[in-house]
C-alpha atoms as a PDB file:
ATOM      1  CA  MET A   1     -18.360 -29.235 -25.059  1.00  0.00           C
ATOM      2  CA  ASP A   2     -15.489 -30.034 -22.612  1.00  0.00           C
ATOM      3  CA  TYR A   3     -13.721 -26.939 -23.438  1.00  0.00           C
ATOM      4  CA  ILE A   4     -16.363 -25.090 -22.165  1.00  0.00           C
ATOM      5  CA  LEU A   5     -16.004 -26.253 -18.478  1.00  0.00           C
ATOM      6  CA  GLN A   6     -12.771 -25.559 -18.465  1.00  0.00           C
ATOM      7  CA  PRO A   7     -11.564 -22.258 -17.111  1.00  0.00           C
ATOM      8  CA  TRP A   8     -10.981 -19.117 -19.945  1.00  0.00           C
ATOM      9  CA  PRO A   9      -7.599 -18.620 -20.594  1.00  0.00           C
ATOM     10  CA  TRP A  10      -6.023 -15.370 -20.000  1.00  0.00           C
ATOM     11  CA  TYR A  11      -5.591 -14.426 -22.987  1.00  0.00           C
ATOM     12  CA  VAL A  12      -9.705 -14.316 -23.498  1.00  0.00           C
ATOM     13  CA  SER A  13     -10.690 -13.325 -19.989  1.00  0.00           C
ATOM     14  CA  GLY A  14      -8.084 -10.277 -19.461  1.00  0.00           C
ATOM     15  CA  PRO A  15      -8.919  -8.486 -22.811  1.00  0.00           C
ATOM     16  CA  LEU A  16     -12.939  -8.738 -21.761  1.00  0.00           C
ATOM     17  CA  ILE A  17     -11.826  -7.319 -18.389  1.00  0.00           C
ATOM     18  CA  ALA A  18      -9.943  -4.518 -19.838  1.00  0.00           C
ATOM     19  CA  ILE A  19     -12.780  -3.846 -22.683  1.00  0.00           C
ATOM     20  CA  VAL A  20     -15.321  -3.357 -19.891  1.00  0.00           C
ATOM     21  CA  MET A  21     -13.070  -1.900 -17.823  1.00  0.00           C
ATOM     22  CA  PHE A  22     -12.481   1.171 -21.231  1.00  0.00           C
ATOM     23  CA  LEU A  23     -16.371   1.121 -21.859  1.00  0.00           C
ATOM     24  CA  LEU A  24     -16.722   2.184 -17.925  1.00  0.00           C
ATOM     25  CA  LEU A  25     -14.269   4.613 -17.803  1.00  0.00           C
ATOM     26  CA  TYR A  26     -15.185   5.825 -21.358  1.00  0.00           C
ATOM     27  CA  PHE A  27     -18.893   6.401 -19.744  1.00  0.00           C
ATOM     28  CA  GLY A  28     -17.605   8.119 -16.965  1.00  0.00           C
ATOM     29  CA  LYS A  29     -18.467   4.885 -14.525  1.00  0.00           C
ATOM     30  CA  THR A  30     -16.346   2.706 -12.375  1.00  0.00           C
ATOM     31  CA  PHE A  31     -16.444  -0.175 -11.077  1.00  0.00           C
ATOM     32  CA  GLY A  32     -17.032  -1.984  -7.306  1.00  0.00           C
ATOM     33  CA  MET A  33     -19.269  -4.327  -5.883  1.00  0.00           C
ATOM     34  CA  SER A  34     -19.223  -1.972  -3.017  1.00  0.00           C
ATOM     35  CA  SER A  35     -20.606   0.345  -4.761  1.00  0.00           C
ATOM     36  CA  ASN A  36     -23.524  -2.070  -5.818  1.00  0.00           C
ATOM     37  CA  LEU A  37     -24.547  -2.894  -2.932  1.00  0.00           C
ATOM     38  CA  ARG A  38     -24.643   0.359  -1.544  1.00  0.00           C
ATOM     39  CA  THR A  39     -27.389   1.191  -4.348  1.00  0.00           C
ATOM     40  CA  LEU A  40     -29.310  -1.535  -3.293  1.00  0.00           C
ATOM     41  CA  CYS A  41     -29.211  -0.458   0.359  1.00  0.00           C
ATOM     42  CA  ALA A  42     -30.502   3.080  -1.117  1.00  0.00           C
ATOM     43  CA  ILE A  43     -33.363   0.995  -2.416  1.00  0.00           C
ATOM     44  CA  GLY A  44     -34.473  -0.479   0.112  1.00  0.00           C
ATOM     45  CA  GLY A  45     -34.912   2.983   2.263  1.00  0.00           C
ATOM     46  CA  ALA A  46     -31.297   2.732   4.225  1.00  0.00           C
ATOM     47  CA  GLY A  47     -31.055   6.405   3.507  1.00  0.00           C
ATOM     48  CA  LYS A  48     -33.673   6.900   5.710  1.00  0.00           C
ATOM     49  CA  LYS A  49     -31.872   5.798   8.673  1.00  0.00           C
ATOM     50  CA  VAL A  50     -27.413   6.144   7.477  1.00  0.00           C
ATOM     51  CA  PRO A  51     -26.882   9.265   5.192  1.00  0.00           C
ATOM     52  CA  PHE A  52     -24.195   7.278   3.373  1.00  0.00           C
ATOM     53  CA  PHE A  53     -27.225   5.913   1.694  1.00  0.00           C
ATOM     54  CA  ASN A  54     -29.174   8.954   1.402  1.00  0.00           C
ATOM     55  CA  PHE A  55     -28.257   9.420  -2.707  1.00  0.00           C
ATOM     56  CA  ASN A  56     -30.676   9.619  -6.003  1.00  0.00           C
ATOM     57  CA  TRP A  57     -29.887   6.285  -6.377  1.00  0.00           C
ATOM     58  CA  ARG A  58     -31.591   6.029 -10.150  1.00  0.00           C
ATOM     59  CA  GLU A  59     -28.401   7.905 -11.308  1.00  0.00           C
ATOM     60  CA  GLN A  60     -26.575   4.133 -10.829  1.00  0.00           C
ATOM     61  CA  LYS A  61     -29.377   1.733 -11.143  1.00  0.00           C
ATOM     62  CA  TRP A  62     -27.320   0.790 -13.968  1.00  0.00           C
ATOM     63  CA  ASN A  63     -25.084  -0.885 -10.722  1.00  0.00           C
ATOM     64  CA  LEU A  64     -27.875  -2.952 -10.624  1.00  0.00           C
ATOM     65  CA  VAL A  65     -27.121  -5.068 -13.998  1.00  0.00           C
ATOM     66  CA  VAL A  66     -23.668  -5.757 -12.395  1.00  0.00           C
ATOM     67  CA  VAL A  67     -25.034  -7.194  -9.172  1.00  0.00           C
ATOM     68  CA  ILE A  68     -28.243  -9.606 -10.881  1.00  0.00           C
ATOM     69  CA  GLY A  69     -25.020 -10.244 -13.354  1.00  0.00           C
ATOM     70  CA  THR A  70     -22.937 -11.196 -10.535  1.00  0.00           C
ATOM     71  CA  VAL A  71     -25.537 -13.677  -9.498  1.00  0.00           C
ATOM     72  CA  ILE A  72     -26.561 -15.517 -12.660  1.00  0.00           C
ATOM     73  CA  GLY A  73     -23.480 -15.309 -13.944  1.00  0.00           C
ATOM     74  CA  GLY A  74     -21.905 -17.513 -10.276  1.00  0.00           C
ATOM     75  CA  PHE A  75     -25.099 -19.503 -10.851  1.00  0.00           C
ATOM     76  CA  ILE A  76     -24.350 -20.698 -13.969  1.00  0.00           C
ATOM     77  CA  ALA A  77     -20.409 -20.942 -13.477  1.00  0.00           C
ATOM     78  CA  HIS A  78     -21.042 -23.282 -10.766  1.00  0.00           C
ATOM     79  CA  PHE A  79     -24.135 -25.643 -12.058  1.00  0.00           C
ATOM     80  CA  LEU A  80     -23.600 -25.490 -15.303  1.00  0.00           C
ATOM     81  CA  LEU A  81     -19.839 -24.815 -16.073  1.00  0.00           C
ATOM     82  CA  SER A  82     -18.045 -26.193 -13.846  1.00  0.00           C
ATOM     83  CA  ALA A  83     -16.538 -29.497 -13.997  1.00  0.00           C
ATOM     84  CA  PRO A  84     -15.910 -31.734 -10.990  1.00  0.00           C
ATOM     85  CA  THR A  85     -11.811 -31.726 -10.656  1.00  0.00           C
ATOM     86  CA  ASN A  86      -9.073 -32.400  -8.265  1.00  0.00           C
ATOM     87  CA  ILE A  87      -6.720 -29.689  -7.602  1.00  0.00           C
ATOM     88  CA  ASP A  88      -3.186 -29.933  -8.080  1.00  0.00           C
ATOM     89  CA  LEU A  89      -2.112 -28.306  -4.369  1.00  0.00           C
ATOM     90  CA  ASN A  90       1.287 -28.450  -2.733  1.00  0.00           C
ATOM     91  CA  PRO A  91       1.865 -31.460  -0.618  1.00  0.00           C
ATOM     92  CA  ASP A  92       2.847 -28.701   2.486  1.00  0.00           C
ATOM     93  CA  THR A  93      -0.178 -27.128   2.101  1.00  0.00           C
ATOM     94  CA  VAL A  94      -2.085 -30.241   1.562  1.00  0.00           C
ATOM     95  CA  ALA A  95      -0.153 -31.355   4.538  1.00  0.00           C
ATOM     96  CA  LYS A  96      -0.635 -27.917   7.147  1.00  0.00           C
ATOM     97  CA  LEU A  97      -4.340 -28.079   5.591  1.00  0.00           C
ATOM     98  CA  ASN A  98      -4.947 -31.686   6.765  1.00  0.00           C
ATOM     99  CA  GLU A  99      -3.623 -30.151  10.271  1.00  0.00           C
ATOM    100  CA  LEU A 100      -6.065 -27.450  10.413  1.00  0.00           C
ATOM    101  CA  GLY A 101      -9.246 -30.109  10.217  1.00  0.00           C
ATOM    102  CA  PHE A 102      -9.830 -30.172   6.279  1.00  0.00           C
ATOM    103  CA  ASP A 103     -10.334 -33.335   5.106  1.00  0.00           C
ATOM    104  CA  ASN A 104     -10.363 -33.943   1.302  1.00  0.00           C
ATOM    105  CA  VAL A 105      -7.971 -31.281   0.686  1.00  0.00           C
ATOM    106  CA  GLY A 106      -8.127 -30.130  -3.226  1.00  0.00           C
ATOM    107  CA  LYS A 107     -10.908 -32.314  -3.604  1.00  0.00           C
ATOM    108  CA  SER A 108     -13.222 -29.286  -4.305  1.00  0.00           C
ATOM    109  CA  LEU A 109     -12.923 -25.990  -5.074  1.00  0.00           C
ATOM    110  CA  LEU A 110     -15.221 -25.164  -1.776  1.00  0.00           C
ATOM    111  CA  PRO A 111     -14.205 -26.944   1.176  1.00  0.00           C
ATOM    112  CA  GLN A 112     -17.263 -28.253   3.139  1.00  0.00           C
ATOM    113  CA  GLU A 113     -15.354 -27.657   7.049  1.00  0.00           C
ATOM    114  CA  LEU A 114     -15.879 -23.500   5.233  1.00  0.00           C
ATOM    115  CA  PHE A 115     -18.938 -23.804   2.922  1.00  0.00           C
ATOM    116  CA  SER A 116     -21.698 -26.608   3.953  1.00  0.00           C
ATOM    117  CA  TRP A 117     -24.839 -25.579   5.586  1.00  0.00           C
ATOM    118  CA  ASP A 118     -23.961 -27.278   8.566  1.00  0.00           C
ATOM    119  CA  ALA A 119     -20.448 -25.165   8.797  1.00  0.00           C
ATOM    120  CA  VAL A 120     -22.612 -22.008   8.058  1.00  0.00           C
ATOM    121  CA  PHE A 121     -25.291 -22.433  10.700  1.00  0.00           C
ATOM    122  CA  SER A 122     -22.629 -23.785  13.760  1.00  0.00           C
ATOM    123  CA  ILE A 123     -21.952 -21.042  16.298  1.00  0.00           C
ATOM    124  CA  LYS A 124     -18.058 -20.451  14.509  1.00  0.00           C
ATOM    125  CA  GLY A 125     -19.453 -20.683  11.112  1.00  0.00           C
ATOM    126  CA  LEU A 126     -22.107 -17.880  12.193  1.00  0.00           C
ATOM    127  CA  ALA A 127     -19.291 -15.937  14.205  1.00  0.00           C
ATOM    128  CA  ILE A 128     -17.539 -16.022  11.200  1.00  0.00           C
ATOM    129  CA  LEU A 129     -20.120 -14.600   9.267  1.00  0.00           C
ATOM    130  CA  ILE A 130     -20.855 -11.633  11.310  1.00  0.00           C
ATOM    131  CA  ILE A 131     -17.164 -10.799  12.144  1.00  0.00           C
ATOM    132  CA  GLY A 132     -15.881 -11.404   9.050  1.00  0.00           C
ATOM    133  CA  GLY A 133     -19.190  -9.038   7.458  1.00  0.00           C
ATOM    134  CA  PHE A 134     -18.723  -6.323   9.681  1.00  0.00           C
ATOM    135  CA  LEU A 135     -14.768  -6.466   8.937  1.00  0.00           C
ATOM    136  CA  VAL A 136     -15.128  -6.376   5.550  1.00  0.00           C
ATOM    137  CA  GLY A 137     -17.878  -3.647   5.483  1.00  0.00           C
ATOM    138  CA  PHE A 138     -16.068  -1.261   7.540  1.00  0.00           C
ATOM    139  CA  GLY A 139     -12.973  -2.129   5.778  1.00  0.00           C
ATOM    140  CA  THR A 140     -14.744  -1.624   2.547  1.00  0.00           C
ATOM    141  CA  ARG A 141     -16.030   1.856   3.664  1.00  0.00           C
ATOM    142  CA  TYR A 142     -12.601   2.435   5.117  1.00  0.00           C
ATOM    143  CA  ALA A 143     -10.620   2.055   1.978  1.00  0.00           C
ATOM    144  CA  GLY A 144     -13.285   3.982   0.143  1.00  0.00           C
ATOM    145  CA  GLY A 145     -14.316   1.156  -2.115  1.00  0.00           C
ATOM    146  CA  CYS A 146     -13.985  -3.027  -2.385  1.00  0.00           C
ATOM    147  CA  THR A 147     -11.477  -4.971  -3.908  1.00  0.00           C
ATOM    148  CA  SER A 148     -12.542  -5.302  -7.320  1.00  0.00           C
ATOM    149  CA  GLY A 149     -13.324  -1.098  -6.686  1.00  0.00           C
ATOM    150  CA  HIS A 150      -9.627  -0.399  -6.327  1.00  0.00           C
ATOM    151  CA  ALA A 151      -7.919  -3.219  -8.081  1.00  0.00           C
ATOM    152  CA  ILE A 152      -9.815  -3.015 -11.457  1.00  0.00           C
ATOM    153  CA  THR A 153     -11.413   0.397 -11.684  1.00  0.00           C
ATOM    154  CA  GLY A 154      -8.843   2.266  -9.578  1.00  0.00           C
ATOM    155  CA  LEU A 155      -5.749   0.722 -10.767  1.00  0.00           C
ATOM    156  CA  SER A 156      -6.701   0.815 -14.555  1.00  0.00           C
ATOM    157  CA  SER A 157      -7.462   4.917 -13.932  1.00  0.00           C
ATOM    158  CA  LEU A 158      -4.059   5.446 -12.467  1.00  0.00           C
ATOM    159  CA  GLN A 159      -5.464   6.452  -9.251  1.00  0.00           C
ATOM    160  CA  LEU A 160      -2.272   6.415  -6.069  1.00  0.00           C
ATOM    161  CA  PRO A 161      -4.796   5.531  -3.288  1.00  0.00           C
ATOM    162  CA  SER A 162      -6.255   2.337  -5.149  1.00  0.00           C
ATOM    163  CA  LEU A 163      -2.234   1.290  -5.598  1.00  0.00           C
ATOM    164  CA  ILE A 164      -2.325   2.040  -1.554  1.00  0.00           C
ATOM    165  CA  ALA A 165      -5.685  -0.386  -0.883  1.00  0.00           C
ATOM    166  CA  VAL A 166      -4.558  -2.956  -3.408  1.00  0.00           C
ATOM    167  CA  ILE A 167      -1.356  -3.084  -1.140  1.00  0.00           C
ATOM    168  CA  GLY A 168      -2.903  -3.259   2.366  1.00  0.00           C
ATOM    169  CA  PHE A 169      -5.840  -6.211   0.516  1.00  0.00           C
ATOM    170  CA  PHE A 170      -2.631  -7.950  -0.255  1.00  0.00           C
ATOM    171  CA  ILE A 171      -0.990  -7.710   3.319  1.00  0.00           C
ATOM    172  CA  GLY A 172      -4.195  -8.423   5.419  1.00  0.00           C
ATOM    173  CA  GLY A 173      -4.643 -11.178   3.048  1.00  0.00           C
ATOM    174  CA  LEU A 174      -0.736 -12.599   4.353  1.00  0.00           C
ATOM    175  CA  ILE A 175      -1.635 -11.770   7.580  1.00  0.00           C
ATOM    176  CA  MET A 176      -4.732 -13.497   7.720  1.00  0.00           C
ATOM    177  CA  VAL A 177      -3.519 -16.716   6.058  1.00  0.00           C
ATOM    178  CA  HIS A 178      -0.501 -16.871   8.251  1.00  0.00           C
ATOM    179  CA  LEU A 179      -1.779 -15.404  11.258  1.00  0.00           C
ATOM    180  CA  LEU A 180      -5.281 -15.414  11.821  1.00  0.00           C
ATOM    181  CA  PHE A 181      -6.954 -18.569   9.699  1.00  0.00           C
ATOM    182  CA  PRO A 182      -4.469 -20.927  12.101  1.00  0.00           C
ATOM    183  CA  LEU A 183      -6.159 -19.590  15.017  1.00  0.00           C
ATOM    184  CA  ILE A 184      -9.517 -19.619  13.621  1.00  0.00           C
ATOM    185  CA  PHE A 185      -9.451 -23.262  12.662  1.00  0.00           C
END
């Protein structure tokens, strides 16, 4: 039973992702969470107010399986397959996070300073959610897709715009972690 609680090795999860991508490409489908969420918004009637959501969502209803699977899979992974673990972090990383006000660094995958209900419902937490949500939504629309869509579907189908987008995602992540994150915390 203990082996179930461990992360899947790359030689299991990698080929599974490749098989799913092959099947999606074979059947002319694309993968990306923003496409799935766009379908949900269209079902909810957002197309009446915003033309971007005005499309025949019934042709994309298979996207709902991905959304439902993500929610159920996340629940199962967190509550049934996660073992409490200490994360072996670089001592410099631990020291920098302690300087930023993070306690118990490496004792949990989700730091309480970011993911507890107290943190979420604080003024700072709400501001981060609202501003971050807007920036992610804008960036996803501007880039023509999300990180999973470009990095998994776009790169596997050899699309140059996806390569450029993924490079931009990594640069943005580096800027966030090294320049903006210390300013926020």
